């Protein structure tokens, strides 16, 4: 506990500061998109791909009307969304409440549930429940361990490449890696997008790293853990 508190005390201020700076960077990009478009035009012209920028500009010109239609659809379905949100909050509160009471006296609830079974079957059912709880606990612990490895590895790579906000980006990638199936892909896409603002070479290196790491994680880390 002391070691964890010491590590958190050392790295938490750095991560919070980098997350704040990363948010400021994203807000600046959104508020001033002309800098992004000029950077993209210059980059494509260097590779004689200026025609792609013209095509992209045409698509971007249609974006406001598409966003307006999307907003109109969103407002029309606001009632259904509000009901869905209320249902989600209600279910979340119910789950947290039940989890709290289960944690207070787990053995008592197990004993009550075992009364539904015949006396000779109760030891076997209790054993199966313990196995199930152990399997779920091990699965969650394994996912956390893999995400921790992903975050540390990403942090080292970002430091070597001299990327801005390495701690914040590594933390986001580690959190996204917890999402099954698509989490690692989302984290990799985030790294490539931020790397693109540094240089095309950096984005390419990050793309190669992501592809290699995903193969290692899927073929080596996950089966091992």
Protein backbone atom coordinates (compact mmCIF):
# COMPACT_ATOMS: atom_id res chain seq x y z
CA UNK A 1 0.00 0.00 0.00
CA UNK A 2 2.82 2.40 0.86
CA UNK A 3 4.59 1.62 -2.42
CA UNK A 4 1.39 2.21 -4.41
CA UNK A 5 0.74 5.50 -2.60
CA UNK A 6 4.32 6.62 -3.27
CA UNK A 7 4.06 5.78 -6.98
CA UNK A 8 0.69 7.52 -7.22
CA UNK A 9 2.06 10.58 -5.45
CA UNK A 10 4.97 10.79 -7.88
CA UNK A 11 3.12 10.21 -11.14
CA UNK A 12 -0.40 11.54 -10.47
CA UNK A 13 0.57 15.25 -10.77
CA UNK A 14 2.43 14.55 -14.03
CA UNK A 15 -0.49 12.60 -15.51
CA UNK A 16 -3.05 15.22 -14.45
CA UNK A 17 -0.94 18.02 -15.95
CA UNK A 18 -0.46 16.14 -19.23
CA UNK A 19 -4.16 15.30 -19.47
CA UNK A 20 -5.00 18.98 -18.99
CA UNK A 21 -2.48 19.95 -21.68
CA UNK A 22 -3.82 17.27 -24.02
CA UNK A 23 -7.37 18.56 -23.57
CA UNK A 24 -6.16 22.11 -24.29
CA UNK A 25 -4.45 20.82 -27.44
CA UNK A 26 -7.60 19.08 -28.67
CA UNK A 27 -9.71 22.17 -27.94
CA UNK A 28 -7.23 24.38 -29.81
CA UNK A 29 -7.33 22.06 -32.82
CA UNK A 30 -11.14 22.04 -32.85
CA UNK A 31 -11.40 25.82 -32.47
CA UNK A 32 -8.82 26.54 -35.17
CA UNK A 33 -9.16 23.87 -37.86
CA UNK A 34 -7.46 26.04 -40.52
CA UNK A 35 -4.05 25.20 -39.07
CA UNK A 36 -4.84 21.52 -39.45
CA UNK A 37 -6.03 21.93 -43.03
CA UNK A 38 -2.96 23.95 -43.99
CA UNK A 39 -0.70 21.35 -42.41
CA UNK A 40 -2.54 18.61 -44.28
CA UNK A 41 -2.31 20.51 -47.59
CA UNK A 42 1.45 21.06 -47.19
CA UNK A 43 1.99 17.44 -46.25
CA UNK A 44 0.04 16.06 -49.21
CA UNK A 45 1.72 18.44 -51.65
CA UNK A 46 5.12 17.17 -50.52
CA UNK A 47 4.09 13.71 -51.72
CA UNK A 48 2.36 15.04 -54.87
CA UNK A 49 -1.05 14.13 -53.49
CA UNK A 50 -2.64 17.57 -53.60
CA UNK A 51 -5.69 16.22 -55.43
CA UNK A 52 -6.60 14.25 -52.31
CA UNK A 53 -6.83 17.51 -50.36
CA UNK A 54 -9.28 18.95 -52.89
CA UNK A 55 -11.47 15.86 -52.56
CA UNK A 56 -11.25 16.02 -48.79
CA UNK A 57 -12.12 19.73 -48.81
CA UNK A 58 -15.29 19.00 -50.78
CA UNK A 59 -16.31 16.40 -48.21
CA UNK A 60 -15.57 18.79 -45.35
CA UNK A 61 -17.71 21.48 -47.00
CA UNK A 62 -20.67 19.11 -46.79
CA UNK A 63 -19.99 18.40 -43.12
CA UNK A 64 -22.02 21.32 -41.61
CA UNK A 65 -25.23 20.26 -43.39
CA UNK A 66 -24.68 16.66 -42.35
CA UNK A 67 -24.11 17.73 -38.75
CA UNK A 68 -27.28 19.82 -38.86
CA UNK A 69 -29.29 16.81 -40.05
CA UNK A 70 -27.70 14.67 -37.37
CA UNK A 71 -28.53 17.25 -34.70
CA UNK A 72 -32.14 17.41 -35.93
CA UNK A 73 -32.42 13.62 -35.70
CA UNK A 74 -30.85 13.68 -32.26
CA UNK A 75 -33.34 16.28 -31.00
CA UNK A 76 -36.28 14.30 -32.39
CA UNK A 77 -35.09 11.20 -30.53
CA UNK A 78 -34.23 13.08 -27.33
CA UNK A 79 -37.24 11.60 -25.51
CA UNK A 80 -36.15 8.04 -26.18
CA UNK A 81 -32.59 8.87 -25.23
CA UNK A 82 -33.74 10.39 -21.95
CA UNK A 83 -35.72 7.23 -21.13
CA UNK A 84 -32.71 5.06 -22.01
CA UNK A 85 -30.43 7.20 -19.87
CA UNK A 86 -32.83 7.03 -16.92
CA UNK A 87 -33.07 3.25 -17.31
CA UNK A 88 -29.28 2.96 -17.38
CA UNK A 89 -28.87 5.11 -14.25
CA UNK A 90 -31.56 3.12 -12.44
CA UNK A 91 -29.92 -0.18 -13.37
CA UNK A 92 -26.50 1.11 -12.33
CA UNK A 93 -27.79 2.26 -8.92
CA UNK A 94 -29.52 -1.11 -8.43
CA UNK A 95 -26.37 -3.05 -9.32
CA UNK A 96 -24.17 -0.94 -7.03
CA UNK A 97 -26.65 -1.28 -4.16
CA UNK A 98 -26.85 -5.06 -4.53
CA UNK A 99 -23.06 -5.27 -4.81
CA UNK A 100 -22.68 -3.25 -1.60
CA UNK A 101 -24.95 -5.55 0.39
CA UNK A 102 -23.35 -8.65 -1.11
CA UNK A 103 -19.94 -7.40 -0.01
CA UNK A 104 -21.21 -6.81 3.52
CA UNK A 105 -22.16 -10.45 4.10
CA UNK A 106 -21.33 -12.64 1.09
CA UNK A 107 -21.36 -15.89 3.04
CA UNK A 108 -24.85 -15.20 4.37
CA UNK A 109 -26.27 -14.73 0.87
CA UNK A 110 -24.54 -17.90 -0.30
CA UNK A 111 -26.07 -19.86 2.57
CA UNK A 112 -29.51 -18.50 1.73
CA UNK A 113 -29.08 -19.52 -1.91
CA UNK A 114 -27.87 -22.99 -0.95
CA UNK A 115 -31.19 -23.65 0.80
CA UNK A 116 -32.73 -23.93 -2.67
CA UNK A 117 -30.76 -27.15 -3.20
CA UNK A 118 -31.02 -30.51 -1.52
CA UNK A 119 -28.68 -31.17 1.39
CA UNK A 120 -26.42 -33.66 -0.49
CA UNK A 121 -25.89 -31.17 -3.37
CA UNK A 122 -24.95 -28.14 -1.25
CA UNK A 123 -21.20 -28.90 -0.87
CA UNK A 124 -20.86 -29.32 -4.64
CA UNK A 125 -22.80 -26.12 -5.37
CA UNK A 126 -20.65 -24.20 -2.85
CA UNK A 127 -17.53 -25.55 -4.55
CA UNK A 128 -18.84 -24.49 -7.98
CA UNK A 129 -19.62 -20.99 -6.68
CA UNK A 130 -16.07 -20.65 -5.33
CA UNK A 131 -14.66 -21.80 -8.66
CA UNK A 132 -16.86 -19.29 -10.52
CA UNK A 133 -15.84 -16.44 -8.23
CA UNK A 134 -12.18 -17.37 -8.67
CA UNK A 135 -12.53 -17.50 -12.46
CA UNK A 136 -14.16 -14.06 -12.64
CA UNK A 137 -11.58 -12.58 -10.26
CA UNK A 138 -8.69 -14.08 -12.25
CA UNK A 139 -10.17 -12.81 -15.52
CA UNK A 140 -10.45 -9.25 -14.22
CA UNK A 141 -6.97 -9.38 -12.69
CA UNK A 142 -5.53 -10.72 -15.95
CA UNK A 143 -7.15 -7.94 -17.98
CA UNK A 144 -5.77 -5.33 -15.59
CA UNK A 145 -2.30 -6.87 -15.82
CA UNK A 146 -2.37 -6.86 -19.64
CA UNK A 147 -3.56 -3.25 -19.71
CA UNK A 148 -0.80 -2.28 -17.27
CA UNK A 149 1.81 -3.91 -19.55
CA UNK A 150 0.27 -2.12 -22.54
CA UNK A 151 0.40 1.24 -20.77
CA UNK A 152 4.01 0.85 -19.60
CA UNK A 153 5.20 -0.35 -23.03
CA UNK A 154 3.39 2.50 -24.77
CA UNK A 155 4.83 5.03 -22.32
CA UNK A 156 8.39 3.82 -23.05
CA UNK A 157 7.83 3.96 -26.82
CA UNK A 158 6.36 7.47 -26.63
CA UNK A 159 9.29 8.66 -24.53
CA UNK A 160 11.78 7.23 -27.05
CA UNK A 161 9.96 8.93 -29.93
CA UNK A 162 9.79 12.23 -28.03
CA UNK A 163 6.00 12.38 -28.26
CA UNK A 164 4.13 15.08 -26.31
CA UNK A 165 1.94 14.03 -23.37
CA UNK A 166 3.43 10.49 -23.10
CA UNK A 167 1.98 9.74 -19.65
CA UNK A 168 -1.55 10.91 -20.53
CA UNK A 169 -1.56 9.06 -23.86
CA UNK A 170 -0.20 5.87 -22.26
CA UNK A 171 -2.90 6.06 -19.57
CA UNK A 172 -5.64 6.50 -22.18
CA UNK A 173 -4.31 3.58 -24.23
CA UNK A 174 -4.17 1.37 -21.12
CA UNK A 175 -7.77 2.27 -20.21
CA UNK A 176 -9.00 1.66 -23.76
CA UNK A 177 -7.17 -1.69 -23.79
CA UNK A 178 -9.63 -2.87 -21.12
CA UNK A 179 -12.43 -2.76 -23.71
CA UNK A 180 -12.75 -6.21 -25.33
CA UNK A 181 -12.11 -6.63 -29.07
CA UNK A 182 -11.97 -2.95 -30.13
CA UNK A 183 -10.15 -1.30 -27.23
CA UNK A 184 -6.61 -1.87 -28.49
CA UNK A 185 -7.60 -0.65 -31.97
CA UNK A 186 -9.13 2.55 -30.57
CA UNK A 187 -6.01 3.23 -28.50
CA UNK A 188 -3.78 2.63 -31.50
CA UNK A 189 -5.83 4.96 -33.67
CA UNK A 190 -5.53 7.66 -30.99
CA UNK A 191 -1.73 7.32 -30.95
CA UNK A 192 -1.46 7.48 -34.74
CA UNK A 193 -3.66 10.61 -34.91
CA UNK A 194 -1.60 12.43 -32.27
CA UNK A 195 1.63 11.20 -33.89
CA UNK A 196 0.46 12.62 -37.20
CA UNK A 197 0.57 16.12 -35.69
CA UNK A 198 4.21 15.52 -34.75
CA UNK A 199 5.41 14.11 -38.09
CA UNK A 200 4.31 11.52 -40.66
CA UNK A 201 7.34 9.39 -39.76
CA UNK A 202 6.30 9.34 -36.09
CA UNK A 203 2.77 8.30 -37.05
CA UNK A 204 4.17 5.52 -39.26
CA UNK A 205 6.45 4.25 -36.47
CA UNK A 206 3.53 4.25 -34.03
CA UNK A 207 1.39 2.36 -36.53
CA UNK A 208 4.08 -0.32 -36.90
CA UNK A 209 4.48 -0.52 -33.11
CA UNK A 210 0.71 -0.92 -32.63
CA UNK A 211 0.48 -3.71 -35.21
CA UNK A 212 3.41 -5.59 -33.66
CA UNK A 213 2.21 -5.10 -30.08
CA UNK A 214 -1.31 -6.30 -30.89
CA UNK A 215 0.12 -9.49 -32.36
CA UNK A 216 2.33 -10.03 -29.29
CA UNK A 217 -0.54 -9.29 -26.90
CA UNK A 218 -2.97 -11.58 -28.68
CA UNK A 219 -0.54 -14.45 -29.33
CA UNK A 220 1.73 -14.34 -26.26
CA UNK A 221 0.46 -12.16 -23.39
CA UNK A 222 -3.21 -13.16 -23.31
CA UNK A 223 -2.61 -16.95 -23.47
CA UNK A 224 0.18 -16.63 -20.88
CA UNK A 225 -1.89 -14.57 -18.44
